[in-house]
Amino acid sequence: MSKLFIGGLAWHTEETTLRQKFEEFGPIEEAVVVKDRDTGRSRGFGFVRYTTEADADKAIANMNNVEFDGREIRVDKASDTGPKNTYGRGGGPYSGRGGYAQQPQMYSYGMPNAAVVYPPASYGRGGYPSQPVAYGTPPPQELVRDGDLDLETQA
């Protein structure tokens, strides 16, 4: 049994159309066009499950980067681990449902035994990461409130 990912589908592609085209390469257990749960409209990708690995390989060889139903589609083996890329949704060190599944890892960016190690950027809910303040720079005005810092009485 082998499952294929079909990406780049036209918005109007139906499951029956997908099934008919991919049955040319062998018997299919399942053909699904993924739809948005709120609108019911196609999300532009789907899955086809073949009974044999050889039929799936034949479908990849014949249908990858080919025009189907008005669009050029991408056909790959589907993985159970989620998206392959680390941009957009999913992937990366924060791939849990809430976006903060585990602690960030430290990266040395290209140098195997680097002395300087930088943490990954975290532009999440906290805004931009704090920047180092140059020596001798006065504190930001929003931190100094009346009554909190009275320099004349401390001298």
N, C-alpha and C. Protein backbone atom coordinates (compact mmCIF):
# COMPACT_ATOMS: atom_id res chain seq x y z
N MET A 1 0.86 -1.18 0.00
CA MET A 1 0.00 0.00 0.00
C MET A 1 0.90 1.23 0.00
N SER A 2 0.63 2.18 -0.87
CA SER A 2 1.45 3.37 -1.00
C SER A 2 0.55 4.60 -1.20
N LYS A 3 0.83 5.64 -0.44
CA LYS A 3 0.02 6.86 -0.51
C LYS A 3 0.80 7.96 -1.20
N LEU A 4 0.14 8.65 -2.13
CA LEU A 4 0.77 9.74 -2.88
C LEU A 4 0.14 11.07 -2.51
N PHE A 5 0.97 12.10 -2.47
CA PHE A 5 0.52 13.48 -2.29
C PHE A 5 0.38 14.09 -3.68
N ILE A 6 -0.75 14.73 -3.93
CA ILE A 6 -1.00 15.40 -5.21
C ILE A 6 -1.16 16.89 -4.91
N GLY A 7 -0.20 17.70 -5.30
CA GLY A 7 -0.24 19.13 -5.03
C GLY A 7 -0.49 19.95 -6.28
N GLY A 8 -1.02 21.15 -6.10
CA GLY A 8 -1.26 22.06 -7.22
C GLY A 8 -2.53 21.76 -7.98
N LEU A 9 -3.48 21.11 -7.33
CA LEU A 9 -4.75 20.79 -8.01
C LEU A 9 -5.55 22.06 -8.28
N ALA A 10 -6.31 22.03 -9.36
CA ALA A 10 -7.22 23.15 -9.67
C ALA A 10 -8.32 23.18 -8.62
N TRP A 11 -8.85 24.36 -8.35
CA TRP A 11 -9.88 24.52 -7.33
C TRP A 11 -11.14 23.71 -7.66
N HIS A 12 -11.40 23.49 -8.93
CA HIS A 12 -12.62 22.79 -9.33
C HIS A 12 -12.43 21.28 -9.47
N THR A 13 -11.25 20.75 -9.22
CA THR A 13 -11.00 19.31 -9.34
C THR A 13 -11.79 18.54 -8.28
N GLU A 14 -12.54 17.54 -8.71
CA GLU A 14 -13.34 16.71 -7.81
C GLU A 14 -12.61 15.39 -7.54
N GLU A 15 -13.05 14.69 -6.51
CA GLU A 15 -12.44 13.40 -6.16
C GLU A 15 -12.66 12.37 -7.27
N THR A 16 -13.81 12.40 -7.93
CA THR A 16 -14.07 11.44 -9.01
C THR A 16 -13.12 11.66 -10.19
N THR A 17 -12.84 12.93 -10.50
CA THR A 17 -11.91 13.25 -11.59
C THR A 17 -10.51 12.77 -11.24
N LEU A 18 -10.10 13.01 -10.01
CA LEU A 18 -8.79 12.58 -9.53
C LEU A 18 -8.68 11.05 -9.59
N ARG A 19 -9.72 10.37 -9.11
CA ARG A 19 -9.73 8.90 -9.11
C ARG A 19 -9.64 8.36 -10.53
N GLN A 20 -10.44 8.91 -11.44
CA GLN A 20 -10.45 8.41 -12.82
C GLN A 20 -9.08 8.53 -13.47
N LYS A 21 -8.42 9.65 -13.28
CA LYS A 21 -7.11 9.86 -13.91
C LYS A 21 -6.05 8.94 -13.33
N PHE A 22 -6.02 8.80 -12.02
CA PHE A 22 -4.96 8.01 -11.40
C PHE A 22 -5.24 6.50 -11.45
N GLU A 23 -6.47 6.08 -11.75
CA GLU A 23 -6.75 4.65 -11.94
C GLU A 23 -6.13 4.12 -13.23
N GLU A 24 -5.67 5.02 -14.10
CA GLU A 24 -4.98 4.59 -15.31
C GLU A 24 -3.69 3.85 -14.99
N PHE A 25 -3.14 4.03 -13.79
CA PHE A 25 -1.85 3.45 -13.43
C PHE A 25 -1.98 2.26 -12.49
N GLY A 26 -3.21 1.91 -12.10
CA GLY A 26 -3.42 0.75 -11.24
C GLY A 26 -4.61 0.96 -10.33
N PRO A 27 -5.02 -0.11 -9.62
CA PRO A 27 -6.17 -0.01 -8.73
C PRO A 27 -5.90 0.92 -7.54
N ILE A 28 -6.92 1.70 -7.19
CA ILE A 28 -6.81 2.70 -6.13
C ILE A 28 -7.72 2.32 -4.97
N GLU A 29 -7.21 2.43 -3.77
CA GLU A 29 -8.03 2.22 -2.58
C GLU A 29 -8.82 3.48 -2.23
N GLU A 30 -8.17 4.64 -2.41
CA GLU A 30 -8.78 5.89 -1.96
C GLU A 30 -8.24 7.06 -2.78
N ALA A 31 -9.09 8.01 -3.09
CA ALA A 31 -8.69 9.26 -3.73
C ALA A 31 -9.43 10.38 -3.01
N VAL A 32 -8.69 11.33 -2.46
CA VAL A 32 -9.28 12.39 -1.64
C VAL A 32 -8.76 13.75 -2.09
N VAL A 33 -9.67 14.69 -2.28
CA VAL A 33 -9.30 16.10 -2.47
C VAL A 33 -9.58 16.79 -1.13
N VAL A 34 -8.55 17.37 -0.52
CA VAL A 34 -8.69 18.00 0.79
C VAL A 34 -9.44 19.31 0.62
N LYS A 35 -10.46 19.50 1.47
CA LYS A 35 -11.31 20.69 1.39
C LYS A 35 -11.25 21.48 2.69
N ASP A 36 -11.47 22.77 2.56
CA ASP A 36 -11.54 23.64 3.72
C ASP A 36 -12.79 23.30 4.51
N ARG A 37 -12.67 23.13 5.82
CA ARG A 37 -13.83 22.69 6.60
C ARG A 37 -14.88 23.79 6.76
N ASP A 38 -14.49 25.05 6.65
CA ASP A 38 -15.45 26.14 6.79
C ASP A 38 -16.21 26.42 5.49
N THR A 39 -15.49 26.48 4.38
CA THR A 39 -16.11 26.85 3.11
C THR A 39 -16.47 25.65 2.23
N GLY A 40 -15.82 24.50 2.46
CA GLY A 40 -16.05 23.33 1.62
C GLY A 40 -15.33 23.40 0.29
N ARG A 41 -14.54 24.44 0.08
CA ARG A 41 -13.80 24.61 -1.17
C ARG A 41 -12.48 23.83 -1.10
N SER A 42 -12.02 23.35 -2.24
CA SER A 42 -10.77 22.60 -2.32
C SER A 42 -9.62 23.45 -1.82
N ARG A 43 -8.67 22.81 -1.14
CA ARG A 43 -7.47 23.51 -0.67
C ARG A 43 -6.32 23.40 -1.67
N GLY A 44 -6.56 22.71 -2.80
CA GLY A 44 -5.56 22.65 -3.86
C GLY A 44 -4.63 21.46 -3.78
N PHE A 45 -4.92 20.50 -2.91
CA PHE A 45 -4.09 19.30 -2.86
C PHE A 45 -4.96 18.12 -2.45
N GLY A 46 -4.40 16.93 -2.64
CA GLY A 46 -5.14 15.73 -2.30
C GLY A 46 -4.21 14.55 -2.14
N PHE A 47 -4.81 13.37 -1.94
CA PHE A 47 -4.05 12.14 -1.74
C PHE A 47 -4.69 11.01 -2.53
N VAL A 48 -3.82 10.12 -3.03
CA VAL A 48 -4.28 8.93 -3.71
C VAL A 48 -3.54 7.75 -3.09
N ARG A 49 -4.29 6.71 -2.71
CA ARG A 49 -3.68 5.53 -2.09
C ARG A 49 -3.81 4.35 -3.04
N TYR A 50 -2.63 3.81 -3.44
CA TYR A 50 -2.58 2.65 -4.32
C TYR A 50 -2.43 1.37 -3.51
N THR A 51 -2.86 0.26 -4.11
CA THR A 51 -2.74 -1.03 -3.42
C THR A 51 -1.31 -1.56 -3.51
N THR A 52 -0.57 -1.19 -4.56
CA THR A 52 0.81 -1.68 -4.70
C THR A 52 1.77 -0.51 -4.88
N GLU A 53 2.99 -0.74 -4.45
CA GLU A 53 4.06 0.26 -4.56
C GLU A 53 4.42 0.52 -6.02
N ALA A 54 4.39 -0.52 -6.85
CA ALA A 54 4.76 -0.39 -8.27
C ALA A 54 3.79 0.54 -9.00
N ASP A 55 2.50 0.44 -8.70
CA ASP A 55 1.52 1.32 -9.34
C ASP A 55 1.73 2.77 -8.92
N ALA A 56 2.08 2.97 -7.64
CA ALA A 56 2.34 4.33 -7.16
C ALA A 56 3.56 4.92 -7.86
N ASP A 57 4.61 4.12 -8.02
CA ASP A 57 5.81 4.61 -8.71
C ASP A 57 5.51 4.95 -10.17
N LYS A 58 4.66 4.15 -10.80
CA LYS A 58 4.27 4.41 -12.18
C LYS A 58 3.50 5.74 -12.28
N ALA A 59 2.62 5.99 -11.31
CA ALA A 59 1.85 7.24 -11.30
C ALA A 59 2.75 8.44 -11.08
N ILE A 60 3.74 8.34 -10.20
CA ILE A 60 4.68 9.44 -9.98
C ILE A 60 5.45 9.73 -11.26
N ALA A 61 5.95 8.68 -11.90
CA ALA A 61 6.74 8.87 -13.12
C ALA A 61 5.93 9.51 -14.25
N ASN A 62 4.64 9.19 -14.33
CA ASN A 62 3.82 9.70 -15.44
C ASN A 62 3.08 10.99 -15.14
N MET A 63 2.85 11.32 -13.88
CA MET A 63 1.99 12.47 -13.56
C MET A 63 2.71 13.64 -12.89
N ASN A 64 3.93 13.46 -12.41
CA ASN A 64 4.62 14.56 -11.74
C ASN A 64 4.99 15.65 -12.75
N ASN A 65 4.68 16.90 -12.42
CA ASN A 65 4.94 18.07 -13.27
C ASN A 65 4.24 17.97 -14.63
N VAL A 66 3.03 17.43 -14.62
CA VAL A 66 2.21 17.30 -15.83
C VAL A 66 0.94 18.11 -15.63
N GLU A 67 0.41 18.67 -16.73
CA GLU A 67 -0.83 19.42 -16.62
C GLU A 67 -2.01 18.46 -16.45
N PHE A 68 -2.81 18.74 -15.41
CA PHE A 68 -4.00 17.94 -15.12
C PHE A 68 -5.12 18.88 -14.72
N ASP A 69 -6.23 18.80 -15.42
CA ASP A 69 -7.41 19.61 -15.12
C ASP A 69 -7.10 21.12 -15.15
N GLY A 70 -6.19 21.51 -16.06
CA GLY A 70 -5.89 22.93 -16.24
C GLY A 70 -4.73 23.46 -15.42
N ARG A 71 -4.12 22.64 -14.56
CA ARG A 71 -2.99 23.10 -13.73
C ARG A 71 -1.87 22.06 -13.77
N GLU A 72 -0.63 22.52 -13.60
CA GLU A 72 0.49 21.60 -13.50
C GLU A 72 0.55 21.09 -12.06
N ILE A 73 0.49 19.78 -11.90
CA ILE A 73 0.43 19.21 -10.56
C ILE A 73 1.78 18.62 -10.17
N ARG A 74 1.95 18.43 -8.86
CA ARG A 74 3.15 17.80 -8.31
C ARG A 74 2.71 16.50 -7.65
N VAL A 75 3.39 15.41 -7.94
CA VAL A 75 3.05 14.10 -7.37
C VAL A 75 4.28 13.55 -6.67
N ASP A 76 4.13 13.28 -5.37
CA ASP A 76 5.21 12.74 -4.53
C ASP A 76 4.64 11.67 -3.63
N LYS A 77 5.55 10.89 -3.04
CA LYS A 77 5.10 9.96 -2.00
C LYS A 77 4.72 10.78 -0.78
N ALA A 78 3.60 10.45 -0.18
CA ALA A 78 3.14 11.16 1.02
C ALA A 78 3.93 10.66 2.21
N SER A 79 4.26 11.58 3.10
CA SER A 79 4.97 11.21 4.32
C SER A 79 4.03 11.39 5.50
N ASP A 80 4.19 10.55 6.49
CA ASP A 80 3.37 10.64 7.69
C ASP A 80 3.92 11.66 8.68
N THR A 81 5.09 12.22 8.39
CA THR A 81 5.74 13.12 9.34
C THR A 81 5.33 14.57 9.16
N GLY A 82 4.53 14.90 8.17
CA GLY A 82 4.12 16.29 7.96
C GLY A 82 4.86 16.91 6.81
N PRO A 83 4.79 18.22 6.68
CA PRO A 83 5.41 18.90 5.55
C PRO A 83 6.92 18.75 5.55
N LYS A 84 7.50 18.73 4.36
CA LYS A 84 8.95 18.60 4.25
C LYS A 84 9.66 19.93 4.46
N ASN A 85 9.03 21.02 4.14
CA ASN A 85 9.68 22.32 4.29
C ASN A 85 9.52 22.82 5.71
N THR A 86 10.33 23.81 6.10
CA THR A 86 10.25 24.35 7.45
C THR A 86 9.69 25.76 7.47
N TYR A 87 9.17 26.21 6.34
CA TYR A 87 8.53 27.52 6.33
C TYR A 87 7.03 27.34 6.26
N GLY A 88 6.31 28.38 6.50
CA GLY A 88 4.86 28.27 6.49
C GLY A 88 4.38 27.53 7.71
N ARG A 89 3.33 26.78 7.57
CA ARG A 89 2.80 26.02 8.70
C ARG A 89 3.57 24.72 8.87
N GLY A 90 3.79 24.37 10.10
CA GLY A 90 4.42 23.09 10.41
C GLY A 90 5.92 23.14 10.22
N GLY A 91 6.58 22.11 10.67
CA GLY A 91 8.02 22.02 10.55
C GLY A 91 8.72 22.93 11.53
N GLY A 92 10.03 22.83 11.58
CA GLY A 92 10.80 23.68 12.46
C GLY A 92 10.75 23.22 13.90
N PRO A 93 11.47 23.92 14.78
CA PRO A 93 11.53 23.47 16.16
C PRO A 93 10.24 23.67 16.93
N TYR A 94 9.29 24.43 16.42
CA TYR A 94 8.04 24.69 17.13
C TYR A 94 6.87 24.07 16.38
N SER A 95 6.95 22.80 16.03
CA SER A 95 5.96 22.22 15.15
C SER A 95 4.73 21.66 15.87
N GLY A 96 4.60 21.85 17.15
CA GLY A 96 3.41 21.37 17.86
C GLY A 96 2.18 22.17 17.47
N ARG A 97 1.01 21.72 17.90
CA ARG A 97 -0.23 22.38 17.51
C ARG A 97 -0.27 23.84 17.94
N GLY A 98 0.26 24.16 19.11
CA GLY A 98 0.20 25.53 19.59
C GLY A 98 1.34 26.38 19.10
N GLY A 99 2.32 25.79 18.46
CA GLY A 99 3.44 26.57 17.94
C GLY A 99 4.60 26.67 18.91
N TYR A 100 4.44 26.17 20.14
CA TYR A 100 5.52 26.24 21.12
C TYR A 100 5.68 24.88 21.79
N ALA A 101 5.98 23.85 21.00
CA ALA A 101 5.97 22.49 21.51
C ALA A 101 7.21 22.14 22.33
N GLN A 102 8.36 22.68 21.99
CA GLN A 102 9.56 22.31 22.70
C GLN A 102 10.49 23.50 22.81
N GLN A 103 11.52 23.33 23.61
CA GLN A 103 12.48 24.41 23.80
C GLN A 103 13.29 24.61 22.53
N PRO A 104 13.69 25.85 22.22
CA PRO A 104 14.48 26.09 21.02
C PRO A 104 15.87 25.48 21.14
N GLN A 105 16.40 25.03 20.02
CA GLN A 105 17.75 24.50 20.00
C GLN A 105 18.71 25.62 19.66
N MET A 106 19.96 25.47 20.05
CA MET A 106 20.97 26.47 19.74
C MET A 106 21.64 26.06 18.43
N TYR A 107 21.87 27.01 17.55
CA TYR A 107 22.47 26.75 16.26
C TYR A 107 23.79 27.50 16.14
N SER A 108 24.78 26.86 15.51
CA SER A 108 26.06 27.54 15.34
C SER A 108 26.23 28.09 13.94
N TYR A 109 25.26 27.92 13.06
CA TYR A 109 25.23 28.50 11.71
C TYR A 109 26.50 28.24 10.91
N GLY A 110 26.74 26.98 10.59
CA GLY A 110 27.78 26.64 9.63
C GLY A 110 29.11 26.25 10.21
N MET A 111 29.41 26.59 11.44
CA MET A 111 30.71 26.26 12.00
C MET A 111 30.53 25.12 13.01
N PRO A 112 31.19 23.96 12.77
CA PRO A 112 30.93 22.81 13.61
C PRO A 112 31.34 22.99 15.08
N ASN A 113 32.45 23.64 15.34
CA ASN A 113 32.91 23.82 16.71
C ASN A 113 32.98 25.30 17.06
N ALA A 114 31.95 26.03 16.70
CA ALA A 114 31.96 27.47 16.89
C ALA A 114 31.85 27.82 18.37
N ALA A 115 32.58 28.85 18.77
CA ALA A 115 32.52 29.30 20.16
C ALA A 115 31.28 30.16 20.38
N VAL A 116 30.85 30.89 19.35
CA VAL A 116 29.68 31.75 19.47
C VAL A 116 28.48 30.98 18.94
N VAL A 117 27.46 30.84 19.76
CA VAL A 117 26.26 30.11 19.36
C VAL A 117 25.08 31.06 19.52
N TYR A 118 24.27 31.16 18.47
CA TYR A 118 23.14 32.07 18.47
C TYR A 118 21.84 31.29 18.62
N PRO A 119 20.92 31.76 19.43
CA PRO A 119 19.62 31.09 19.51
C PRO A 119 18.81 31.42 18.27
N PRO A 120 17.84 30.58 17.91
CA PRO A 120 17.00 30.91 16.76
C PRO A 120 16.15 32.13 17.05
N ALA A 121 15.85 32.88 16.00
CA ALA A 121 15.04 34.09 16.16
C ALA A 121 13.65 33.71 16.66
N SER A 122 13.09 34.50 17.56
CA SER A 122 11.75 34.20 18.07
C SER A 122 10.89 35.44 17.92
N TYR A 123 10.29 35.57 16.76
CA TYR A 123 9.42 36.71 16.49
C TYR A 123 7.97 36.32 16.72
N GLY A 124 7.68 35.72 17.84
CA GLY A 124 6.33 35.26 18.12
C GLY A 124 5.49 36.37 18.73
N ARG A 125 4.74 36.04 19.74
CA ARG A 125 3.82 36.99 20.35
C ARG A 125 4.52 38.11 21.11
N GLY A 126 5.77 37.90 21.46
CA GLY A 126 6.47 38.90 22.26
C GLY A 126 7.02 40.05 21.45
N GLY A 127 6.80 40.09 20.17
CA GLY A 127 7.33 41.17 19.35
C GLY A 127 8.76 40.86 18.96
N TYR A 128 9.52 41.87 18.66
CA TYR A 128 10.90 41.68 18.25
C TYR A 128 11.77 41.38 19.47
N PRO A 129 12.84 40.60 19.29
CA PRO A 129 13.70 40.32 20.43
C PRO A 129 14.39 41.60 20.89
N SER A 130 14.70 41.64 22.17
CA SER A 130 15.32 42.85 22.71
C SER A 130 16.70 43.04 22.11
N GLN A 131 17.04 44.28 21.83
CA GLN A 131 18.34 44.62 21.26
C GLN A 131 19.27 45.09 22.37
N PRO A 132 20.55 44.78 22.26
CA PRO A 132 21.47 45.25 23.30
C PRO A 132 21.55 46.78 23.30
N VAL A 133 21.63 47.35 24.47
CA VAL A 133 21.70 48.80 24.62
C VAL A 133 23.16 49.20 24.74
N ALA A 134 23.56 50.22 24.01
CA ALA A 134 24.94 50.69 24.05
C ALA A 134 25.24 51.27 25.44
N TYR A 135 26.49 51.15 25.88
CA TYR A 135 26.92 51.64 27.18
C TYR A 135 26.74 53.15 27.24
N GLY A 136 26.14 53.62 28.31
CA GLY A 136 25.95 55.05 28.50
C GLY A 136 24.65 55.57 27.93
N THR A 137 23.85 54.74 27.31
CA THR A 137 22.57 55.18 26.74
C THR A 137 21.55 55.29 27.86
N PRO A 138 20.82 56.42 27.93
CA PRO A 138 19.81 56.55 28.98
C PRO A 138 18.68 55.55 28.76
N PRO A 139 17.96 55.19 29.83
CA PRO A 139 16.87 54.22 29.67
C PRO A 139 15.75 54.82 28.82
N PRO A 140 14.95 53.97 28.17
CA PRO A 140 13.83 54.48 27.38
C PRO A 140 12.86 55.27 28.27
N GLN A 141 12.23 56.28 27.70
CA GLN A 141 11.37 57.17 28.47
C GLN A 141 10.14 56.48 29.03
N GLU A 142 9.64 55.43 28.35
CA GLU A 142 8.45 54.78 28.86
C GLU A 142 8.73 54.00 30.15
N LEU A 143 10.02 53.73 30.44
CA LEU A 143 10.36 53.04 31.68
C LEU A 143 10.52 54.00 32.86
N VAL A 144 10.79 55.26 32.58
CA VAL A 144 10.99 56.25 33.64
C VAL A 144 9.68 56.97 33.86
N ARG A 145 9.07 56.75 35.03
CA ARG A 145 7.81 57.39 35.36
C ARG A 145 8.02 58.34 36.54
N ASP A 146 7.13 59.29 36.66
CA ASP A 146 7.22 60.22 37.78
C ASP A 146 7.15 59.46 39.09
N GLY A 147 8.07 59.75 39.99
CA GLY A 147 8.08 59.13 41.29
C GLY A 147 8.87 57.85 41.35
N ASP A 148 9.09 57.16 40.23
CA ASP A 148 9.85 55.92 40.26
C ASP A 148 11.35 56.18 40.37
N LEU A 149 11.83 57.22 39.72
CA LEU A 149 13.24 57.47 39.69
C LEU A 149 13.46 58.95 40.00
N ASP A 150 13.86 59.24 41.20
CA ASP A 150 14.10 60.62 41.60
C ASP A 150 15.58 60.78 41.83
N LEU A 151 16.29 61.32 40.84
CA LEU A 151 17.74 61.45 40.91
C LEU A 151 18.20 62.50 41.91
N GLU A 152 17.42 63.53 42.12
CA GLU A 152 17.85 64.60 43.00
C GLU A 152 17.87 64.18 44.47
N THR A 153 16.95 63.31 44.88
CA THR A 153 16.94 62.89 46.28
C THR A 153 17.95 61.81 46.55
N GLN A 154 18.40 61.10 45.52
CA GLN A 154 19.37 60.05 45.75
C GLN A 154 20.80 60.60 45.81
N ALA A 155 21.04 61.79 45.32
CA ALA A 155 22.39 62.33 45.29
C ALA A 155 22.84 62.84 46.62
